[in-house]
Amino acid sequence: MTTTALERCDIRLSSEDKAFLQLAASLDGISLSAFIRKAAISAAKDTISK
């Protein structure tokens, strides 16, 4: 099921961190935004389930 993103969340990154995340996203074949969203949701689920 696909959902439409309606909310925006801005973060600040160093150039090095952005390049590192962009590389990982491109290796996964997804956008930087999708990669960060996927990682953040996964981390949140792990934290909440503790």
C-alpha atoms as a PDB file:
ATOM      1  CA  MET A   1       0.000   0.000   0.000  1.00  0.00           C
ATOM      2  CA  THR A   2       1.387   3.396  -0.989  1.00  0.00           C
ATOM      3  CA  THR A   3       0.811   6.441   1.164  1.00  0.00           C
ATOM      4  CA  THR A   4       1.278  10.075   0.269  1.00  0.00           C
ATOM      5  CA  ALA A   5       3.681  12.069   2.424  1.00  0.00           C
ATOM      6  CA  LEU A   6       1.897  15.159   3.665  1.00  0.00           C
ATOM      7  CA  GLU A   7       4.273  16.386   6.351  1.00  0.00           C
ATOM      8  CA  ARG A   8       7.754  17.834   5.991  1.00  0.00           C
ATOM      9  CA  CYS A   9      10.688  17.382   8.366  1.00  0.00           C
ATOM     10  CA  ASP A  10      13.878  19.372   7.792  1.00  0.00           C
ATOM     11  CA  ILE A  11      17.269  18.259   9.093  1.00  0.00           C
ATOM     12  CA  ARG A  12      20.718  19.781   8.860  1.00  0.00           C
ATOM     13  CA  LEU A  13      23.658  17.616   7.813  1.00  0.00           C
ATOM     14  CA  SER A  14      27.322  18.202   7.223  1.00  0.00           C
ATOM     15  CA  SER A  15      28.418  17.863   3.611  1.00  0.00           C
ATOM     16  CA  GLU A  16      30.219  14.661   4.539  1.00  0.00           C
ATOM     17  CA  ASP A  17      27.152  13.126   6.202  1.00  0.00           C
ATOM     18  CA  LYS A  18      24.935  14.064   3.263  1.00  0.00           C
ATOM     19  CA  ALA A  19      27.369  12.541   0.766  1.00  0.00           C
ATOM     20  CA  PHE A  20      27.611   9.362   2.868  1.00  0.00           C
ATOM     21  CA  LEU A  21      23.821   9.008   3.088  1.00  0.00           C
ATOM     22  CA  GLN A  22      23.426   9.819  -0.616  1.00  0.00           C
ATOM     23  CA  LEU A  23      25.885   7.064  -1.501  1.00  0.00           C
ATOM     24  CA  ALA A  24      23.985   4.547   0.619  1.00  0.00           C
ATOM     25  CA  ALA A  25      20.679   5.659  -0.907  1.00  0.00           C
ATOM     26  CA  SER A  26      22.014   5.309  -4.438  1.00  0.00           C
ATOM     27  CA  LEU A  27      23.346   1.821  -3.652  1.00  0.00           C
ATOM     28  CA  ASP A  28      19.813   0.927  -2.474  1.00  0.00           C
ATOM     29  CA  GLY A  29      18.380   2.477  -5.649  1.00  0.00           C
ATOM     30  CA  ILE A  30      16.209   4.968  -3.752  1.00  0.00           C
ATOM     31  CA  SER A  31      16.159   8.700  -3.161  1.00  0.00           C
ATOM     32  CA  LEU A  32      17.985  10.299  -0.255  1.00  0.00           C
ATOM     33  CA  SER A  33      14.639  11.280   1.252  1.00  0.00           C
ATOM     34  CA  ALA A  34      13.303   7.724   1.004  1.00  0.00           C
ATOM     35  CA  PHE A  35      16.513   6.318   2.488  1.00  0.00           C
ATOM     36  CA  ILE A  36      16.435   8.663   5.489  1.00  0.00           C
ATOM     37  CA  ARG A  37      12.706   8.045   6.015  1.00  0.00           C
ATOM     38  CA  LYS A  38      13.222   4.251   5.893  1.00  0.00           C
ATOM     39  CA  ALA A  39      16.139   4.388   8.343  1.00  0.00           C
ATOM     40  CA  ALA A  40      14.343   6.751  10.731  1.00  0.00           C
ATOM     41  CA  ILE A  41      11.162   4.650  10.807  1.00  0.00           C
ATOM     42  CA  SER A  42      13.216   1.497  11.425  1.00  0.00           C
ATOM     43  CA  ALA A  43      15.142   3.165  14.272  1.00  0.00           C
ATOM     44  CA  ALA A  44      11.918   4.495  15.808  1.00  0.00           C
ATOM     45  CA  LYS A  45      10.303   1.038  15.729  1.00  0.00           C
ATOM     46  CA  ASP A  46      13.381  -0.485  17.390  1.00  0.00           C
ATOM     47  CA  THR A  47      13.399   2.178  20.112  1.00  0.00           C
ATOM     48  CA  ILE A  48       9.670   1.961  20.815  1.00  0.00           C
ATOM     49  CA  SER A  49       9.707  -1.839  21.002  1.00  0.00           C
ATOM     50  CA  LYS A  50      12.388  -1.860  23.743  1.00  0.00           C
END
